[in-house]
Amino acid sequence: MNRIRVLLVDDQPLIREALRTFLSKSDEIEIVGTAESGRDALAQIEPCQPDVVILDIRMPDMDGVETTLRIQKQYPTLKIAGLSSISDKYRATEMLQAGAEGFITKDTPPAEIVDAIRTIVAGETFVSPSIFAEELARGESIEEAMKQLSSRLLTVREKDILRALAGGLTNSGIAEKLFVSPRTVEKHRQNIMHKLELQNGVELVAYAYRVGIIDD
């Protein structure tokens, strides 16, 4: 039986090594390489020839969504599973819409990660159940939950404004930086708060740190 060839991508060496250690114990999986960034991953795909890329969504040079888009453009048949330390349904939906077939949290048990890899190689989608726990408890499917969230994902401009707001800039400062009016910035800010179901600026900054829109 041919083993599933996996490329591991995470900017934290301890995470990469932990994933390599327990995934290597499976007779179904062969770790063919590791990478510490999105650009590093793109460079290693050709020599490593993986079947699956396990891709951290929060990296310093390119985030998981951008890396996924680039991989899909160059290698459209390559399977990708996003990897995250948090159960964020918005980021999961973004990754899956970008072309990933799976989204796994870092606290997922090793056996379940192996199952996730097996699932996406078979052409199905795998999402860690904890990500959509509330929706599943209400009897909704993951597909239904993602469809509802799609219209609430942040646009590129909204992400720029969220990053600037979380970085401490005022509406006027952002307006000057982005060449728009303060009124436009405020409108975007209200849209962001509504989409993400946030109540105030403190929650907005906390969200930006949590999902990696700004770094610590």
C-alpha atoms as a PDB file:
ATOM      1  CA  MET A   1       0.000   0.000   0.000  1.00  0.00           C
ATOM      2  CA  ASN A   2       1.343   3.434  -0.953  1.00  0.00           C
ATOM      3  CA  ARG A   3       1.670   5.706   2.026  1.00  0.00           C
ATOM      4  CA  ILE A   4       0.220   9.241   2.013  1.00  0.00           C
ATOM      5  CA  ARG A   5       3.024  11.751   1.473  1.00  0.00           C
ATOM      6  CA  VAL A   6       2.679  14.751   3.819  1.00  0.00           C
ATOM      7  CA  LEU A   7       4.431  18.132   3.927  1.00  0.00           C
ATOM      8  CA  LEU A   8       4.201  19.871   7.333  1.00  0.00           C
ATOM      9  CA  VAL A   9       4.172  23.686   7.415  1.00  0.00           C
ATOM     10  CA  ASP A  10       4.361  25.640  10.673  1.00  0.00           C
ATOM     11  CA  ASP A  11       6.611  28.490  11.800  1.00  0.00           C
ATOM     12  CA  GLN A  12       7.060  26.910  15.251  1.00  0.00           C
ATOM     13  CA  PRO A  13       9.748  24.166  15.338  1.00  0.00           C
ATOM     14  CA  LEU A  14       8.149  22.426  18.319  1.00  0.00           C
ATOM     15  CA  ILE A  15       4.833  22.086  16.507  1.00  0.00           C
ATOM     16  CA  ARG A  16       6.515  20.758  13.366  1.00  0.00           C
ATOM     17  CA  GLU A  17       8.479  18.207  15.375  1.00  0.00           C
ATOM     18  CA  ALA A  18       5.454  17.108  17.390  1.00  0.00           C
ATOM     19  CA  LEU A  19       3.426  16.599  14.205  1.00  0.00           C
ATOM     20  CA  ARG A  20       6.293  14.732  12.559  1.00  0.00           C
ATOM     21  CA  THR A  21       6.744  12.485  15.604  1.00  0.00           C
ATOM     22  CA  PHE A  22       3.201  11.255  16.006  1.00  0.00           C
ATOM     23  CA  LEU A  23       2.223  11.199  12.320  1.00  0.00           C
ATOM     24  CA  SER A  24       5.326   9.140  11.512  1.00  0.00           C
ATOM     25  CA  LYS A  25       3.986   6.424  13.806  1.00  0.00           C
ATOM     26  CA  SER A  26       1.170   5.753  11.340  1.00  0.00           C
ATOM     27  CA  ASP A  27       1.827   3.089   8.716  1.00  0.00           C
ATOM     28  CA  GLU A  28      -0.367   5.102   6.331  1.00  0.00           C
ATOM     29  CA  ILE A  29       1.681   8.312   6.380  1.00  0.00           C
ATOM     30  CA  GLU A  30       5.142   9.357   5.224  1.00  0.00           C
ATOM     31  CA  ILE A  31       6.456  12.800   6.205  1.00  0.00           C
ATOM     32  CA  VAL A  32       8.319  13.950   3.094  1.00  0.00           C
ATOM     33  CA  GLY A  33       9.308  17.389   4.333  1.00  0.00           C
ATOM     34  CA  THR A  34       8.734  20.305   6.673  1.00  0.00           C
ATOM     35  CA  ALA A  35       8.577  24.048   6.056  1.00  0.00           C
ATOM     36  CA  GLU A  36       8.579  27.086   8.343  1.00  0.00           C
ATOM     37  CA  SER A  37       6.697  29.549   6.130  1.00  0.00           C
ATOM     38  CA  GLY A  38       4.344  29.837   3.183  1.00  0.00           C
ATOM     39  CA  ARG A  39       7.149  30.699   0.778  1.00  0.00           C
ATOM     40  CA  ASP A  40       9.233  27.822   2.108  1.00  0.00           C
ATOM     41  CA  ALA A  41       6.277  25.491   1.540  1.00  0.00           C
ATOM     42  CA  LEU A  42       5.883  26.625  -2.076  1.00  0.00           C
ATOM     43  CA  ALA A  43       9.571  25.993  -2.672  1.00  0.00           C
ATOM     44  CA  GLN A  44       9.411  22.477  -1.246  1.00  0.00           C
ATOM     45  CA  ILE A  45       6.340  21.162  -3.040  1.00  0.00           C
ATOM     46  CA  GLU A  46       8.157  20.353  -6.276  1.00  0.00           C
ATOM     47  CA  PRO A  47      11.081  18.411  -4.714  1.00  0.00           C
ATOM     48  CA  CYS A  48       8.979  16.738  -1.993  1.00  0.00           C
ATOM     49  CA  GLN A  49       5.951  15.799  -4.150  1.00  0.00           C
ATOM     50  CA  PRO A  50       3.481  15.602  -1.250  1.00  0.00           C
ATOM     51  CA  ASP A  51      -0.080  14.336  -1.502  1.00  0.00           C
ATOM     52  CA  VAL A  52      -1.186  16.554   1.393  1.00  0.00           C
ATOM     53  CA  VAL A  53       0.049  19.829   2.876  1.00  0.00           C
ATOM     54  CA  ILE A  54      -0.733  20.436   6.559  1.00  0.00           C
ATOM     55  CA  LEU A  55      -0.608  24.226   6.688  1.00  0.00           C
ATOM     56  CA  ASP A  56      -0.557  26.547   9.704  1.00  0.00           C
ATOM     57  CA  ILE A  57      -2.923  29.468   9.110  1.00  0.00           C
ATOM     58  CA  ARG A  58      -0.807  31.965  11.073  1.00  0.00           C
ATOM     59  CA  MET A  59       2.671  32.528   9.650  1.00  0.00           C
ATOM     60  CA  PRO A  60       4.888  35.625   9.409  1.00  0.00           C
ATOM     61  CA  ASP A  61       5.348  35.979   5.650  1.00  0.00           C
ATOM     62  CA  MET A  62       2.069  34.732   4.162  1.00  0.00           C
ATOM     63  CA  ASP A  63      -0.940  33.562   6.114  1.00  0.00           C
ATOM     64  CA  GLY A  64      -2.658  30.267   5.463  1.00  0.00           C
ATOM     65  CA  VAL A  65      -5.293  31.706   3.141  1.00  0.00           C
ATOM     66  CA  GLU A  66      -2.780  33.413   0.847  1.00  0.00           C
ATOM     67  CA  THR A  67      -0.515  30.355   0.840  1.00  0.00           C
ATOM     68  CA  THR A  68      -3.471  28.117   0.010  1.00  0.00           C
ATOM     69  CA  LEU A  69      -4.491  30.344  -2.897  1.00  0.00           C
ATOM     70  CA  ARG A  70      -0.957  30.251  -4.306  1.00  0.00           C
ATOM     71  CA  ILE A  71      -0.626  26.499  -3.880  1.00  0.00           C
ATOM     72  CA  GLN A  72      -3.985  25.917  -5.551  1.00  0.00           C
ATOM     73  CA  LYS A  73      -2.983  28.102  -8.491  1.00  0.00           C
ATOM     74  CA  GLN A  74       0.247  26.176  -9.096  1.00  0.00           C
ATOM     75  CA  TYR A  75      -0.805  22.704  -7.912  1.00  0.00           C
ATOM     76  CA  PRO A  76      -4.608  22.460  -8.230  1.00  0.00           C
ATOM     77  CA  THR A  77      -4.803  18.757  -7.358  1.00  0.00           C
ATOM     78  CA  LEU A  78      -2.744  19.022  -4.168  1.00  0.00           C
ATOM     79  CA  LYS A  79      -4.750  18.497  -0.976  1.00  0.00           C
ATOM     80  CA  ILE A  80      -4.452  21.087   1.812  1.00  0.00           C
ATOM     81  CA  ALA A  81      -5.537  21.012   5.445  1.00  0.00           C
ATOM     82  CA  GLY A  82      -5.419  24.213   7.487  1.00  0.00           C
ATOM     83  CA  LEU A  83      -3.968  23.953  10.990  1.00  0.00           C
ATOM     84  CA  SER A  84      -4.892  26.336  13.802  1.00  0.00           C
ATOM     85  CA  SER A  85      -4.407  26.736  17.535  1.00  0.00           C
ATOM     86  CA  ILE A  86      -7.927  28.168  17.811  1.00  0.00           C
ATOM     87  CA  SER A  87     -11.403  26.994  16.834  1.00  0.00           C
ATOM     88  CA  ASP A  88     -12.318  29.971  14.677  1.00  0.00           C
ATOM     89  CA  LYS A  89     -15.134  29.267  12.231  1.00  0.00           C
ATOM     90  CA  TYR A  90     -14.466  32.385  10.158  1.00  0.00           C
ATOM     91  CA  ARG A  91     -10.852  31.406   9.479  1.00  0.00           C
ATOM     92  CA  ALA A  92     -11.921  27.819   8.790  1.00  0.00           C
ATOM     93  CA  THR A  93     -14.469  29.036   6.249  1.00  0.00           C
ATOM     94  CA  GLU A  94     -11.883  31.332   4.624  1.00  0.00           C
ATOM     95  CA  MET A  95      -9.418  28.457   4.269  1.00  0.00           C
ATOM     96  CA  LEU A  96     -11.983  26.093   2.786  1.00  0.00           C
ATOM     97  CA  GLN A  97     -13.195  28.737   0.346  1.00  0.00           C
ATOM     98  CA  ALA A  98      -9.572  29.381  -0.671  1.00  0.00           C
ATOM     99  CA  GLY A  99      -9.293  25.723  -1.698  1.00  0.00           C
ATOM    100  CA  ALA A 100      -8.326  23.741   1.396  1.00  0.00           C
ATOM    101  CA  GLU A 101     -10.062  20.416   1.924  1.00  0.00           C
ATOM    102  CA  GLY A 102      -9.666  20.360   5.672  1.00  0.00           C
ATOM    103  CA  PHE A 103      -9.261  22.459   8.801  1.00  0.00           C
ATOM    104  CA  ILE A 104      -7.740  20.937  11.939  1.00  0.00           C
ATOM    105  CA  THR A 105      -7.154  22.421  15.381  1.00  0.00           C
ATOM    106  CA  LYS A 106      -3.782  21.821  17.030  1.00  0.00           C
ATOM    107  CA  ASP A 107      -5.400  20.163  20.039  1.00  0.00           C
ATOM    108  CA  THR A 108      -6.940  17.504  17.813  1.00  0.00           C
ATOM    109  CA  PRO A 109      -5.941  13.980  18.972  1.00  0.00           C
ATOM    110  CA  PRO A 110      -3.264  12.322  16.772  1.00  0.00           C
ATOM    111  CA  ALA A 111      -5.589   9.548  15.645  1.00  0.00           C
ATOM    112  CA  GLU A 112      -8.121  12.131  14.477  1.00  0.00           C
ATOM    113  CA  ILE A 113      -5.470  14.012  12.478  1.00  0.00           C
ATOM    114  CA  VAL A 114      -4.587  10.761  10.715  1.00  0.00           C
ATOM    115  CA  ASP A 115      -8.287  10.288  10.025  1.00  0.00           C
ATOM    116  CA  ALA A 116      -8.469  13.857   8.682  1.00  0.00           C
ATOM    117  CA  ILE A 117      -5.596  13.192   6.278  1.00  0.00           C
ATOM    118  CA  ARG A 118      -7.200   9.966   5.134  1.00  0.00           C
ATOM    119  CA  THR A 119     -10.530  11.747   4.627  1.00  0.00           C
ATOM    120  CA  ILE A 120      -9.222  14.587   2.446  1.00  0.00           C
ATOM    121  CA  VAL A 121      -7.115  12.210   0.331  1.00  0.00           C
ATOM    122  CA  ALA A 122     -10.353  10.337  -0.346  1.00  0.00           C
ATOM    123  CA  GLY A 123     -11.806  13.556  -1.752  1.00  0.00           C
ATOM    124  CA  GLU A 124     -13.964  14.537   1.208  1.00  0.00           C
ATOM    125  CA  THR A 125     -13.846  17.552   3.519  1.00  0.00           C
ATOM    126  CA  PHE A 126     -12.734  17.289   7.137  1.00  0.00           C
ATOM    127  CA  VAL A 127     -13.320  19.995   9.756  1.00  0.00           C
ATOM    128  CA  SER A 128     -12.530  19.503  13.448  1.00  0.00           C
ATOM    129  CA  PRO A 129     -15.939  19.198  15.155  1.00  0.00           C
ATOM    130  CA  SER A 130     -15.040  21.776  17.841  1.00  0.00           C
ATOM    131  CA  ILE A 131     -14.961  24.553  15.239  1.00  0.00           C
ATOM    132  CA  PHE A 132     -18.671  24.362  14.498  1.00  0.00           C
ATOM    133  CA  ALA A 133     -19.725  22.858  17.839  1.00  0.00           C
ATOM    134  CA  GLU A 134     -22.537  25.364  18.419  1.00  0.00           C
ATOM    135  CA  GLU A 135     -23.984  24.868  14.940  1.00  0.00           C
ATOM    136  CA  LEU A 136     -23.773  21.079  15.192  1.00  0.00           C
ATOM    137  CA  ALA A 137     -25.510  21.213  18.587  1.00  0.00           C
ATOM    138  CA  ARG A 138     -28.372  23.093  16.908  1.00  0.00           C
ATOM    139  CA  GLY A 139     -28.676  20.358  14.319  1.00  0.00           C
ATOM    140  CA  GLU A 140     -27.053  22.308  11.489  1.00  0.00           C
ATOM    141  CA  SER A 141     -24.540  20.686   9.159  1.00  0.00           C
ATOM    142  CA  ILE A 142     -21.049  22.125   8.696  1.00  0.00           C
ATOM    143  CA  GLU A 143     -21.960  22.895   5.082  1.00  0.00           C
ATOM    144  CA  GLU A 144     -25.008  24.891   6.210  1.00  0.00           C
ATOM    145  CA  ALA A 145     -22.961  26.777   8.790  1.00  0.00           C
ATOM    146  CA  MET A 146     -20.268  27.659   6.256  1.00  0.00           C
ATOM    147  CA  LYS A 147     -22.855  28.854   3.757  1.00  0.00           C
ATOM    148  CA  GLN A 148     -24.309  31.214   6.351  1.00  0.00           C
ATOM    149  CA  LEU A 149     -20.855  32.516   7.259  1.00  0.00           C
ATOM    150  CA  SER A 150     -19.693  33.100   3.687  1.00  0.00           C
ATOM    151  CA  SER A 151     -21.444  36.450   3.368  1.00  0.00           C
ATOM    152  CA  ARG A 152     -19.911  37.554   6.667  1.00  0.00           C
ATOM    153  CA  LEU A 153     -16.243  36.985   5.856  1.00  0.00           C
ATOM    154  CA  LEU A 154     -14.068  40.072   5.916  1.00  0.00           C
ATOM    155  CA  THR A 155     -12.994  41.665   2.655  1.00  0.00           C
ATOM    156  CA  VAL A 156      -9.359  42.591   1.992  1.00  0.00           C
ATOM    157  CA  ARG A 157     -10.118  46.251   2.789  1.00  0.00           C
ATOM    158  CA  GLU A 158     -11.926  45.294   6.002  1.00  0.00           C
ATOM    159  CA  LYS A 159      -8.894  43.260   7.073  1.00  0.00           C
ATOM    160  CA  ASP A 160      -6.650  46.267   6.379  1.00  0.00           C
ATOM    161  CA  ILE A 161      -8.873  48.450   8.530  1.00  0.00           C
ATOM    162  CA  LEU A 162      -9.134  45.841  11.289  1.00  0.00           C
ATOM    163  CA  ARG A 163      -5.344  45.546  11.351  1.00  0.00           C
ATOM    164  CA  ALA A 164      -4.987  49.333  11.574  1.00  0.00           C
ATOM    165  CA  LEU A 165      -7.660  49.687  14.272  1.00  0.00           C
ATOM    166  CA  ALA A 166      -6.120  46.907  16.343  1.00  0.00           C
ATOM    167  CA  GLY A 167      -2.734  48.544  15.877  1.00  0.00           C
ATOM    168  CA  GLY A 168      -4.010  51.674  17.597  1.00  0.00           C
ATOM    169  CA  LEU A 169      -4.741  54.012  14.689  1.00  0.00           C
ATOM    170  CA  THR A 170      -7.728  56.350  14.898  1.00  0.00           C
ATOM    171  CA  ASN A 171     -10.358  56.595  12.164  1.00  0.00           C
ATOM    172  CA  SER A 172      -8.659  59.757  10.923  1.00  0.00           C
ATOM    173  CA  GLY A 173      -5.245  58.088  10.905  1.00  0.00           C
ATOM    174  CA  ILE A 174      -6.576  55.110   8.966  1.00  0.00           C
ATOM    175  CA  ALA A 175      -8.383  57.399   6.523  1.00  0.00           C
ATOM    176  CA  GLU A 176      -5.139  59.242   5.820  1.00  0.00           C
ATOM    177  CA  LYS A 177      -3.194  56.003   5.420  1.00  0.00           C
ATOM    178  CA  LEU A 178      -5.724  54.359   3.096  1.00  0.00           C
ATOM    179  CA  PHE A 179      -6.759  57.527   1.232  1.00  0.00           C
ATOM    180  CA  VAL A 180     -10.420  57.291   2.223  1.00  0.00           C
ATOM    181  CA  SER A 181     -12.686  59.443   4.386  1.00  0.00           C
ATOM    182  CA  PRO A 182     -13.054  58.922   8.154  1.00  0.00           C
ATOM    183  CA  ARG A 183     -16.743  58.256   7.503  1.00  0.00           C
ATOM    184  CA  THR A 184     -15.803  55.369   5.188  1.00  0.00           C
ATOM    185  CA  VAL A 185     -13.491  53.947   7.845  1.00  0.00           C
ATOM    186  CA  GLU A 186     -16.266  54.125  10.433  1.00  0.00           C
ATOM    187  CA  LYS A 187     -18.669  52.355   8.079  1.00  0.00           C
ATOM    188  CA  HIS A 188     -16.144  49.566   7.534  1.00  0.00           C
ATOM    189  CA  ARG A 189     -15.590  49.380  11.290  1.00  0.00           C
ATOM    190  CA  GLN A 190     -19.304  48.902  11.914  1.00  0.00           C
ATOM    191  CA  ASN A 191     -19.466  46.238   9.201  1.00  0.00           C
ATOM    192  CA  ILE A 192     -16.562  44.384  10.803  1.00  0.00           C
ATOM    193  CA  MET A 193     -18.166  44.467  14.233  1.00  0.00           C
ATOM    194  CA  HIS A 194     -21.457  43.188  12.806  1.00  0.00           C
ATOM    195  CA  LYS A 195     -19.898  40.406  10.725  1.00  0.00           C
ATOM    196  CA  LEU A 196     -17.774  39.096  13.581  1.00  0.00           C
ATOM    197  CA  GLU A 197     -20.488  39.631  16.218  1.00  0.00           C
ATOM    198  CA  LEU A 198     -18.187  41.841  18.301  1.00  0.00           C
ATOM    199  CA  GLN A 199     -19.511  44.339  20.828  1.00  0.00           C
ATOM    200  CA  ASN A 200     -16.690  46.845  21.291  1.00  0.00           C
ATOM    201  CA  GLY A 201     -13.143  47.850  20.409  1.00  0.00           C
ATOM    202  CA  VAL A 202     -11.597  45.640  23.090  1.00  0.00           C
ATOM    203  CA  GLU A 203     -13.197  42.549  21.553  1.00  0.00           C
ATOM    204  CA  LEU A 204     -12.081  43.731  18.113  1.00  0.00           C
ATOM    205  CA  VAL A 205      -8.423  43.974  19.183  1.00  0.00           C
ATOM    206  CA  ALA A 206      -8.629  40.612  20.968  1.00  0.00           C
ATOM    207  CA  TYR A 207     -10.031  38.984  17.832  1.00  0.00           C
ATOM    208  CA  ALA A 208      -7.278  40.485  15.650  1.00  0.00           C
ATOM    209  CA  TYR A 209      -4.581  39.045  17.938  1.00  0.00           C
ATOM    210  CA  ARG A 210      -6.321  35.705  18.295  1.00  0.00           C
ATOM    211  CA  VAL A 211      -6.582  34.951  14.584  1.00  0.00           C
ATOM    212  CA  GLY A 212      -3.211  36.421  13.674  1.00  0.00           C
ATOM    213  CA  ILE A 213      -4.380  39.532  11.794  1.00  0.00           C
ATOM    214  CA  ILE A 214      -1.832  41.361  13.947  1.00  0.00           C
ATOM    215  CA  ASP A 215       1.100  39.806  15.791  1.00  0.00           C
ATOM    216  CA  ASP A 216       1.937  39.950  19.477  1.00  0.00           C
END
